[in-house]
Protein backbone atom coordinates (compact mmCIF):
# COMPACT_ATOMS: atom_id res chain seq x y z
CA MET A 1 -1.69 122.67 -9.81
CA SER A 2 1.31 125.00 -10.13
CA SER A 3 2.77 122.76 -12.84
CA GLU A 4 -0.50 122.90 -14.83
CA LEU A 5 -0.69 126.69 -14.43
CA GLY A 6 2.91 127.10 -15.51
CA THR A 7 2.33 124.88 -18.54
CA LYS A 8 -0.70 126.92 -19.63
CA GLN A 9 1.40 130.07 -19.38
CA GLN A 10 4.11 128.33 -21.40
CA GLU A 11 1.57 127.35 -24.09
CA ASN A 12 0.19 130.89 -24.27
CA LYS A 13 3.68 132.19 -24.80
CA MET A 14 5.35 129.59 -27.03
CA GLY A 15 2.34 128.59 -29.10
CA VAL A 16 0.25 131.76 -29.39
CA MET A 17 2.35 134.94 -29.00
CA PRO A 18 3.29 136.61 -32.35
CA VAL A 19 6.48 134.97 -33.52
CA ASN A 20 8.65 138.08 -33.90
CA LYS A 21 7.67 139.36 -30.47
CA LEU A 22 8.18 135.89 -28.96
CA LEU A 23 11.59 135.49 -30.58
CA LEU A 24 12.72 138.88 -29.30
CA ASN A 25 11.30 138.22 -25.84
CA MET A 26 13.08 134.89 -25.70
CA SER A 27 16.32 135.94 -27.38
CA VAL A 28 17.12 139.53 -26.38
CA PRO A 29 17.77 138.71 -22.70
CA MET A 30 20.03 135.84 -23.84
CA MET A 31 21.76 138.06 -26.40
CA ILE A 32 22.46 140.66 -23.74
CA SER A 33 23.81 138.08 -21.35
CA MET A 34 25.90 136.53 -24.12
CA LEU A 35 27.30 139.97 -24.93
CA VAL A 36 28.33 140.34 -21.31
CA GLN A 37 29.82 136.84 -21.44
CA ALA A 38 31.83 137.86 -24.51
CA LEU A 39 32.81 141.10 -22.81
CA TYR A 40 34.20 139.37 -19.76
CA ASN A 41 36.12 136.92 -22.00
CA ILE A 42 37.68 139.92 -23.71
CA VAL A 43 38.30 141.77 -20.45
CA ASP A 44 39.92 138.64 -19.01
CA SER A 45 42.44 138.55 -21.87
CA ILE A 46 42.97 142.32 -21.76
CA PHE A 47 44.08 142.11 -18.14
CA VAL A 48 46.21 139.02 -18.81
CA ALA A 49 47.87 140.81 -21.74
CA ARG A 50 48.98 143.51 -19.28
CA LEU A 51 51.11 140.87 -17.56
CA SER A 52 52.97 139.93 -20.75
CA GLU A 53 52.50 138.62 -24.28
CA GLU A 54 53.67 135.23 -22.95
CA ALA A 55 50.76 135.24 -20.48
CA LEU A 56 48.34 136.06 -23.31
CA THR A 57 49.80 133.22 -25.38
CA ALA A 58 49.48 130.82 -22.43
CA VAL A 59 45.78 131.63 -22.09
CA SER A 60 45.32 131.39 -25.87
CA LEU A 61 46.85 127.91 -25.90
CA ALA A 62 44.41 126.85 -23.16
CA PHE A 63 41.48 127.63 -25.45
CA PRO A 64 41.09 124.11 -26.97
CA ILE A 65 40.50 122.53 -23.53
CA GLN A 66 38.19 125.35 -22.48
CA THR A 67 36.30 124.94 -25.75
CA LEU A 68 35.97 121.22 -24.98
CA MET A 69 34.56 122.03 -21.53
CA VAL A 70 32.00 124.36 -23.07
CA ALA A 71 31.19 121.76 -25.75
CA VAL A 72 30.28 119.13 -23.15
CA GLY A 73 28.15 121.53 -21.10
CA ALA A 74 26.48 123.33 -24.00
CA GLY A 75 25.94 120.16 -26.04
CA THR A 76 24.27 118.39 -23.14
CA GLY A 77 22.22 121.53 -22.60
CA VAL A 78 21.06 121.50 -26.22
CA GLY A 79 19.78 117.94 -25.77
CA VAL A 80 18.03 118.81 -22.51
CA ASN A 81 16.59 121.99 -24.02
CA ALA A 82 15.19 120.28 -27.12
CA LEU A 83 13.69 117.28 -25.26
CA LEU A 84 12.25 119.39 -22.45
CA SER A 85 10.65 121.93 -24.81
CA LYS A 86 9.25 119.16 -27.03
CA SER A 87 7.83 117.33 -23.99
CA LEU A 88 6.08 120.48 -22.81
CA GLY A 89 4.72 121.06 -26.30
CA GLU A 90 3.28 117.51 -26.18
CA LYS A 91 2.04 118.14 -22.59
CA ASN A 92 4.16 115.21 -21.41
CA TYR A 93 5.01 116.62 -17.97
CA GLU A 94 6.48 113.43 -16.55
CA THR A 95 9.12 113.26 -19.27
CA ALA A 96 9.82 116.98 -18.83
CA ASN A 97 10.62 116.48 -15.12
CA LYS A 98 12.73 113.39 -15.82
CA THR A 99 14.63 115.34 -18.47
CA ALA A 100 15.46 118.12 -16.00
CA MET A 101 16.68 115.75 -13.28
CA ASN A 102 18.76 113.60 -15.62
CA GLY A 103 20.26 116.77 -17.10
CA ILE A 104 21.47 117.81 -13.65
CA PHE A 105 22.94 114.33 -13.13
CA LEU A 106 24.81 114.55 -16.45
CA ALA A 107 26.19 117.97 -15.48
CA PHE A 108 27.73 116.43 -12.34
CA LEU A 109 29.33 113.63 -14.37
CA SER A 110 30.79 116.25 -16.73
CA PHE A 111 32.41 118.01 -13.78
CA LEU A 112 34.03 114.76 -12.61
CA LEU A 113 35.38 114.15 -16.10
CA PHE A 114 37.21 117.48 -16.21
CA VAL A 115 38.59 117.09 -12.70
CA LEU A 116 40.38 114.08 -14.16
CA VAL A 117 41.49 116.10 -17.19
CA GLY A 118 42.88 118.80 -14.90
CA ILE A 119 44.89 116.26 -12.92
CA VAL A 120 46.37 114.11 -15.68
CA ALA A 121 46.10 115.85 -19.06
CA VAL A 122 47.06 119.53 -18.67
CA LYS A 123 50.86 119.08 -18.58
CA PRO A 124 51.13 116.84 -21.66
CA PHE A 125 48.61 119.08 -23.46
CA TYR A 126 50.83 122.16 -23.04
CA LEU A 127 54.07 120.31 -23.67
CA SER A 128 52.75 119.09 -27.03
CA GLN A 129 52.41 122.71 -28.14
CA VAL A 130 55.20 124.59 -26.37
CA LYS A 131 57.91 121.85 -26.36
CA ASP A 132 59.85 123.67 -23.62
CA ALA A 133 58.97 122.71 -20.04
CA GLU A 134 61.07 125.61 -18.71
CA SER A 135 59.32 128.36 -20.66
CA ASP A 136 57.06 130.93 -19.01
CA ILE A 137 54.27 130.07 -21.45
CA TYR A 138 54.33 126.43 -20.29
CA LYS A 139 54.42 127.24 -16.58
CA MET A 140 51.72 129.91 -16.70
CA GLY A 141 49.53 127.77 -18.93
CA ILE A 142 49.55 124.82 -16.53
CA GLU A 143 48.81 127.10 -13.59
CA TYR A 144 45.84 128.67 -15.37
CA LEU A 145 44.27 125.61 -16.97
CA SER A 146 44.63 123.29 -13.96
CA ILE A 147 42.52 125.64 -11.83
CA VAL A 148 39.87 126.04 -14.54
CA CYS A 149 39.49 122.28 -15.02
CA ILE A 150 39.63 121.03 -11.44
CA CYS A 151 37.17 123.71 -10.26
CA SER A 152 34.76 123.29 -13.17
CA PHE A 153 31.72 122.43 -11.03
CA GLY A 154 30.46 126.01 -11.44
CA ILE A 155 30.43 126.04 -15.24
CA TYR A 156 28.45 122.79 -15.51
CA ALA A 157 25.93 123.75 -12.85
CA GLN A 158 25.47 127.09 -14.58
CA PHE A 159 24.99 125.45 -17.98
CA ILE A 160 22.27 123.04 -16.90
CA PHE A 161 20.27 125.39 -14.67
CA GLU A 162 20.32 128.11 -17.33
CA ARG A 163 19.16 125.64 -19.99
CA LEU A 164 16.24 124.63 -17.80
CA LEU A 165 15.20 128.27 -17.61
CA GLN A 166 15.61 128.74 -21.37
CA ALA A 167 13.66 125.60 -22.25
CA THR A 168 10.67 126.83 -20.25
CA GLY A 169 10.77 130.32 -21.76
CA LYS A 170 12.29 132.10 -18.75
CA THR A 171 15.20 133.65 -20.61
CA LEU A 172 15.05 136.83 -18.53
CA TYR A 173 16.02 134.84 -15.43
CA SER A 174 18.72 133.09 -17.43
CA MET A 175 20.05 136.51 -18.43
CA PHE A 176 20.23 137.59 -14.79
CA SER A 177 22.19 134.48 -13.83
CA GLN A 178 24.69 134.97 -16.66
CA LEU A 179 25.02 138.66 -15.87
CA SER A 180 25.73 137.91 -12.21
CA GLY A 181 28.51 135.51 -13.12
CA ALA A 182 30.03 137.75 -15.78
CA VAL A 183 29.99 140.89 -13.65
CA THR A 184 31.57 138.96 -10.76
CA ASN A 185 34.35 137.82 -13.07
CA ILE A 186 34.97 141.29 -14.47
CA ILE A 187 35.18 142.82 -10.99
CA LEU A 188 37.47 140.13 -9.60
CA ASP A 189 39.86 139.95 -12.58
CA PRO A 190 41.97 143.07 -11.87
CA ILE A 191 41.69 142.57 -8.08
CA LEU A 192 43.08 139.03 -8.15
CA ILE A 193 45.49 139.39 -11.08
CA PHE A 194 47.20 142.57 -9.84
CA GLY A 195 46.57 142.25 -6.09
CA LEU A 196 44.37 145.28 -5.45
CA PHE A 197 42.88 146.30 -2.08
CA GLY A 198 45.63 144.59 -0.14
CA LEU A 199 45.13 141.16 -1.67
CA PRO A 200 48.15 139.23 -2.98
CA LYS A 201 49.08 139.57 -6.65
CA LEU A 202 48.14 136.19 -8.14
CA GLY A 203 48.94 136.88 -11.80
CA ILE A 204 47.52 134.39 -14.27
CA ALA A 205 46.20 132.21 -11.44
CA GLY A 206 44.07 135.18 -10.38
CA ALA A 207 42.41 135.20 -13.82
CA ALA A 208 41.53 131.52 -13.44
CA ILE A 209 40.20 131.96 -9.90
CA ALA A 210 38.08 134.94 -10.96
CA THR A 211 36.61 132.85 -13.77
CA VAL A 212 35.75 129.95 -11.45
CA ILE A 213 34.15 132.21 -8.82
CA GLY A 214 32.08 133.95 -11.51
CA GLN A 215 30.82 130.59 -12.77
CA CYS A 216 29.83 129.53 -9.25
CA VAL A 217 27.93 132.77 -8.66
CA GLY A 218 26.07 132.37 -11.96
CA ALA A 219 25.24 128.75 -11.15
CA THR A 220 23.88 129.65 -7.72
CA VAL A 221 21.64 132.38 -9.11
CA ALA A 222 20.33 130.10 -11.90
CA MET A 223 19.61 127.30 -9.43
CA MET A 224 17.64 129.63 -7.15
CA PHE A 225 15.56 130.93 -10.05
CA ASN A 226 14.69 127.36 -11.02
CA LEU A 227 13.67 126.46 -7.49
CA LYS A 228 11.65 129.63 -6.87
CA LYS A 229 10.32 130.72 -10.26
CA ASN A 230 10.23 127.74 -12.65
CA GLN A 231 6.76 126.22 -12.25
CA GLU A 232 6.92 124.18 -15.45
CA ILE A 233 9.26 121.59 -13.95
CA THR A 234 9.81 120.03 -10.53
CA ILE A 235 13.38 119.60 -9.27
CA SER A 236 13.62 116.95 -6.57
CA PHE A 237 16.27 114.31 -5.90
CA LYS A 238 13.91 112.25 -3.73
CA ASP A 239 13.85 108.72 -5.18
CA PHE A 240 15.83 109.94 -8.20
CA LYS A 241 17.44 107.29 -10.38
CA PRO A 242 19.22 107.91 -13.68
CA ASN A 243 16.91 107.04 -16.56
CA GLY A 244 18.75 105.41 -19.45
CA GLN A 245 15.95 106.08 -21.94
CA VAL A 246 15.79 109.80 -21.11
CA ILE A 247 19.60 110.11 -21.13
CA GLY A 248 19.64 108.40 -24.51
CA ARG A 249 17.11 110.88 -25.91
CA ILE A 250 19.08 113.82 -24.46
CA TYR A 251 22.30 112.62 -26.07
CA ARG A 252 20.62 111.72 -29.36
CA VAL A 253 20.57 115.48 -29.96
CA GLY A 254 23.27 116.43 -27.47
CA VAL A 255 26.13 114.18 -28.60
CA PRO A 256 26.23 115.53 -32.16
CA SER A 257 26.24 119.02 -30.64
CA ILE A 258 29.04 118.05 -28.21
CA ILE A 259 31.11 116.54 -31.01
CA MET A 260 30.36 119.50 -33.25
CA GLN A 261 31.69 121.95 -30.67
CA ALA A 262 34.49 119.63 -29.59
CA ILE A 263 35.65 119.64 -33.19
CA GLY A 264 36.26 123.33 -32.63
CA SER A 265 38.62 122.32 -29.85
CA VAL A 266 40.53 119.99 -32.17
CA MET A 267 40.58 122.68 -34.85
CA THR A 268 41.99 125.29 -32.47
CA TYR A 269 44.65 122.89 -31.23
CA CYS A 270 45.74 122.02 -34.78
CA MET A 271 45.74 125.67 -35.84
CA ASN A 272 47.92 126.52 -32.84
CA LEU A 273 50.38 123.82 -33.90
CA ILE A 274 50.51 125.29 -37.42
CA LEU A 275 50.80 128.91 -36.28
CA ILE A 276 53.39 128.42 -33.53
CA GLN A 277 55.82 127.12 -36.18
CA PHE A 278 56.00 130.72 -37.44
CA THR A 279 55.99 132.59 -34.12
CA SER A 280 54.23 132.43 -30.75
CA THR A 281 52.83 135.87 -31.57
CA ALA A 282 50.74 134.27 -34.33
CA THR A 283 49.07 131.99 -31.76
CA ALA A 284 48.42 135.03 -29.57
CA VAL A 285 46.76 136.74 -32.55
CA PHE A 286 44.62 133.65 -33.15
CA GLY A 287 43.62 133.67 -29.48
CA VAL A 288 42.73 137.37 -29.65
CA TYR A 289 40.66 136.68 -32.79
CA PHE A 290 38.60 134.11 -30.89
CA LYS A 291 37.99 136.53 -28.07
CA LEU A 292 36.96 139.32 -30.47
CA GLN A 293 34.76 137.19 -32.70
CA SER A 294 32.87 135.97 -29.64
CA PHE A 295 31.56 139.53 -29.21
CA PHE A 296 29.57 139.00 -32.42
CA PHE A 297 29.07 135.23 -32.41
CA MET A 298 27.83 135.06 -28.81
CA PRO A 299 24.75 137.26 -29.42
CA VAL A 300 23.89 135.03 -32.39
CA LEU A 301 24.19 132.02 -30.08
CA GLY A 302 21.90 133.87 -27.68
CA LEU A 303 19.47 134.26 -30.57
CA ASN A 304 19.74 130.52 -31.17
CA ASN A 305 19.03 129.78 -27.51
CA GLY A 306 15.75 131.62 -27.91
CA MET A 307 15.03 130.11 -31.31
CA VAL A 308 15.57 126.41 -30.54
CA PRO A 309 12.90 125.99 -27.82
CA ILE A 310 10.38 127.94 -29.95
CA ILE A 311 10.93 125.63 -32.92
CA ALA A 312 11.04 122.51 -30.74
CA TYR A 313 7.83 123.47 -28.92
CA ASN A 314 5.90 124.25 -32.10
CA TYR A 315 7.31 121.12 -33.75
CA GLY A 316 5.84 119.10 -30.89
CA ALA A 317 2.59 121.10 -31.01
CA GLY A 318 2.23 120.76 -34.80
CA LYS A 319 2.43 124.43 -35.81
CA ARG A 320 4.43 124.61 -39.03
CA GLY A 321 3.75 128.27 -39.78
CA ARG A 322 5.30 129.38 -36.51
CA ILE A 323 8.37 127.22 -37.18
CA VAL A 324 8.92 128.84 -40.59
CA LYS A 325 8.46 132.36 -39.26
CA THR A 326 10.90 131.69 -36.43
CA ILE A 327 13.56 130.55 -38.89
CA LYS A 328 13.07 133.59 -41.15
CA TYR A 329 13.21 136.13 -38.34
CA SER A 330 16.25 134.40 -36.81
CA MET A 331 18.15 134.54 -40.09
CA PHE A 332 17.38 138.26 -40.49
CA TYR A 333 18.63 139.18 -37.01
CA ALA A 334 21.70 136.92 -37.31
CA PHE A 335 22.64 138.60 -40.61
CA ILE A 336 22.51 142.07 -39.00
CA LEU A 337 24.68 141.00 -36.07
CA MET A 338 27.33 139.30 -38.18
CA THR A 339 27.51 142.20 -40.64
CA LEU A 340 28.49 144.42 -37.72
CA GLY A 341 31.30 141.97 -36.96
CA PHE A 342 32.50 142.10 -40.56
CA LEU A 343 32.60 145.90 -40.53
CA ALA A 344 34.53 146.01 -37.24
CA PHE A 345 37.17 143.52 -38.43
CA GLU A 346 37.61 145.32 -41.74
CA PHE A 347 37.73 148.94 -40.61
CA ILE A 348 39.10 149.07 -37.04
CA PRO A 349 41.46 146.08 -36.61
CA GLU A 350 44.19 148.30 -35.11
CA THR A 351 41.78 149.52 -32.43
CA LEU A 352 40.66 145.98 -31.62
CA LEU A 353 44.21 144.69 -31.25
CA GLY A 354 45.24 147.76 -29.30
CA MET A 355 42.92 146.69 -26.47
CA PHE A 356 45.27 143.75 -25.87
CA ASP A 357 48.41 145.87 -25.51
CA ALA A 358 49.59 144.58 -28.90
CA SER A 359 53.28 144.78 -29.75
CA GLN A 360 54.40 146.05 -33.15
CA GLU A 361 54.88 142.46 -34.34
CA MET A 362 51.40 141.54 -33.13
CA LEU A 363 49.90 144.52 -34.98
CA GLU A 364 51.71 143.65 -38.20
CA ILE A 365 50.43 140.08 -38.10
CA GLY A 366 47.04 140.78 -36.56
CA VAL A 367 45.73 143.61 -38.75
CA ARG A 368 46.04 141.57 -41.93
CA ALA A 369 44.75 138.46 -40.17
CA LEU A 370 41.58 140.11 -38.85
CA ARG A 371 40.74 141.65 -42.22
CA ILE A 372 41.06 138.31 -43.98
CA ILE A 373 39.22 136.29 -41.32
CA GLY A 374 36.47 138.91 -41.10
CA ILE A 375 35.15 137.86 -44.50
CA GLN A 376 33.69 134.73 -42.92
CA PHE A 377 31.20 136.83 -40.92
CA LEU A 378 29.23 137.42 -44.14
CA ILE A 379 28.64 133.66 -44.41
CA ALA A 380 28.67 132.31 -40.86
CA TRP A 381 25.28 133.73 -39.79
CA TYR A 382 23.44 131.45 -42.21
CA CYS A 383 25.36 128.33 -41.20
CA ILE A 384 24.79 128.95 -37.48
CA ILE A 385 21.02 129.33 -37.86
CA ALA A 386 20.78 126.31 -40.17
CA SER A 387 22.65 124.10 -37.68
CA SER A 388 20.32 125.17 -34.88
CA VAL A 389 17.27 124.32 -37.01
CA PHE A 390 18.67 120.81 -37.49
CA GLN A 391 19.09 120.43 -33.72
CA ALA A 392 15.65 121.84 -32.88
CA VAL A 393 13.84 119.21 -34.98
CA GLY A 394 16.00 116.36 -33.66
CA ASN A 395 18.48 116.02 -36.54
CA GLY A 396 21.63 117.12 -34.76
CA VAL A 397 23.73 114.76 -36.86
CA TYR A 398 23.39 117.19 -39.79
CA SER A 399 24.95 119.90 -37.66
CA LEU A 400 27.76 117.49 -36.86
CA ILE A 401 28.45 116.77 -40.53
CA VAL A 402 28.54 120.48 -41.38
CA SER A 403 30.92 121.17 -38.51
CA VAL A 404 33.24 118.29 -39.45
CA ALA A 405 33.32 119.43 -43.07
CA ARG A 406 34.13 123.01 -42.13
CA GLN A 407 36.61 122.64 -39.29
CA LEU A 408 38.46 119.39 -40.00
CA VAL A 409 37.93 118.23 -43.58
CA ILE A 410 38.50 121.70 -45.07
CA LEU A 411 40.02 124.15 -42.58
CA ILE A 412 42.99 122.26 -41.15
CA PRO A 413 44.23 120.71 -44.42
CA ALA A 414 43.74 124.03 -46.19
CA ALA A 415 45.63 125.91 -43.46
CA TYR A 416 48.50 123.41 -43.59
CA ILE A 417 48.76 123.51 -47.39
CA LEU A 418 48.51 127.30 -47.54
CA ALA A 419 51.21 127.56 -44.84
CA GLN A 420 53.56 125.54 -47.03
CA ILE A 421 52.71 127.50 -50.17
CA GLY A 422 52.62 131.09 -49.00
CA GLY A 423 53.57 131.27 -45.34
CA LEU A 424 51.62 132.84 -42.49
CA ILE A 425 49.62 135.37 -44.51
CA LEU A 426 47.89 132.64 -46.54
CA VAL A 427 46.99 130.55 -43.48
CA TRP A 428 44.28 133.03 -42.50
CA TRP A 429 42.46 132.52 -45.83
CA ALA A 430 41.63 128.96 -44.76
CA LEU A 431 38.89 130.27 -42.42
CA PRO A 432 36.66 132.05 -45.00
CA LEU A 433 37.28 129.18 -47.44
CA ALA A 434 36.02 126.65 -44.89
CA GLU A 435 32.98 128.81 -44.15
CA LEU A 436 32.09 128.88 -47.84
CA ILE A 437 32.08 125.06 -47.96
CA SER A 438 29.93 125.07 -44.81
CA LEU A 439 27.41 127.33 -46.59
CA CYS A 440 27.00 124.83 -49.42
CA VAL A 441 26.60 121.79 -47.16
CA SER A 442 24.20 123.64 -44.81
CA THR A 443 21.96 124.63 -47.71
CA ILE A 444 21.72 121.04 -48.93
CA PHE A 445 20.75 119.78 -45.48
CA LEU A 446 18.26 122.60 -44.92
CA ILE A 447 16.48 121.63 -48.13
CA ILE A 448 16.38 118.00 -46.96
CA ILE A 449 14.99 119.01 -43.54
CA TRP A 450 12.32 121.11 -45.23
CA LYS A 451 11.21 118.31 -47.56
CA LYS A 452 11.40 115.44 -45.06
CA VAL A 453 10.42 117.10 -41.76
CA ILE A 454 9.06 120.64 -41.72
CA ILE A 455 6.70 120.36 -44.70
CA HIS A 456 5.01 117.37 -43.01
CA VAL A 457 4.35 119.18 -39.73
CA PRO A 458 0.62 120.02 -39.53
CA ASP A 459 -0.20 123.70 -39.22
CA ASN A 460 -2.48 123.92 -36.19
CA ALA A 461 -1.76 127.59 -35.58
């Protein structure tokens, strides 16, 4: 009875509420929580930078592995989100419950995978970039990344339980869970890094421990909301067995998303290898750029998290008009957010870098870098929304192709060639160039999706 009641409420919300109001209701809580997530990522690096520029570089070099961790969790979540929302739109409650349970199972397997990475891969990963096993960057990097990987159970539990809330329209609860984890991290960072209130000074290990504890708090809150408030699905491990068919459907959408985001990990690693040939400060600047850009990209991703289940639900329910309106409103809001990022990078780069206790060398490199890279904000909003549309209607492979074209086929070769031609200053131009190519490819695929998928959806609104 509670499941039927919850599903009726879901239908009233996802299939009937005015699209703009629905999108804002679904997205704004996620955008706020994503902003807080971005804030604590920035705060984390700000505190680490107070230790030394070497500590900031060590954390920056860890970013490819951390990106890979997020790719596995978020990509699996995209698959769970899309299948669960579509199943509810079709009123297929049995598949919805199986999707939720198999998603939790996959989150546990992801945790085990990165325990193994933390044990065997962290040292060779850092040595391939730093080359000097006696350097402070190498030692601090291993200390930081080993803790983050081996204790990754929190991040994967948080990912899956938050996606279950999002897929059923309960983004406000998802926001609370993310806020709880982020605030915990922000509070613990200075306490554990610098040894406040009588606690030992843990340095860079303190930053890692604060991150892990924050993830566990967020996961616990999200799990409790699912158990107490999420009536659309039933979470029970009684007689649970992994379902190969459901897992296959999750990964049909999820694997392209995982690979797409994992490509970002490969891209960051390759860029670090190119930049560190000039100076380790350049890699620190690149790391700071990723922290800063997340403050504008993360809200757009929050917008996407609200957009995808709306499109997936109405795709399953056969309501083309609502799909089209959702896409249009999403593009408008994404454009506004990314324009703010462009303006910040162009007009206050010194202020942004100053938050990270930037040295004179870091300012000289970073100011020019941020102004050049900032151009991509004027393009990226469109590509992000387009990729999410592909995923929402079950064509995640298009998102994968766009990501490969932008980050590997164009960006890395362009960065390498520009480094040989004009040195460090030209390397930064590879990012807006790659985004321009992504715009062209995304537009082609969006036209194909419109002609082959969306136009054939009946409009039962």
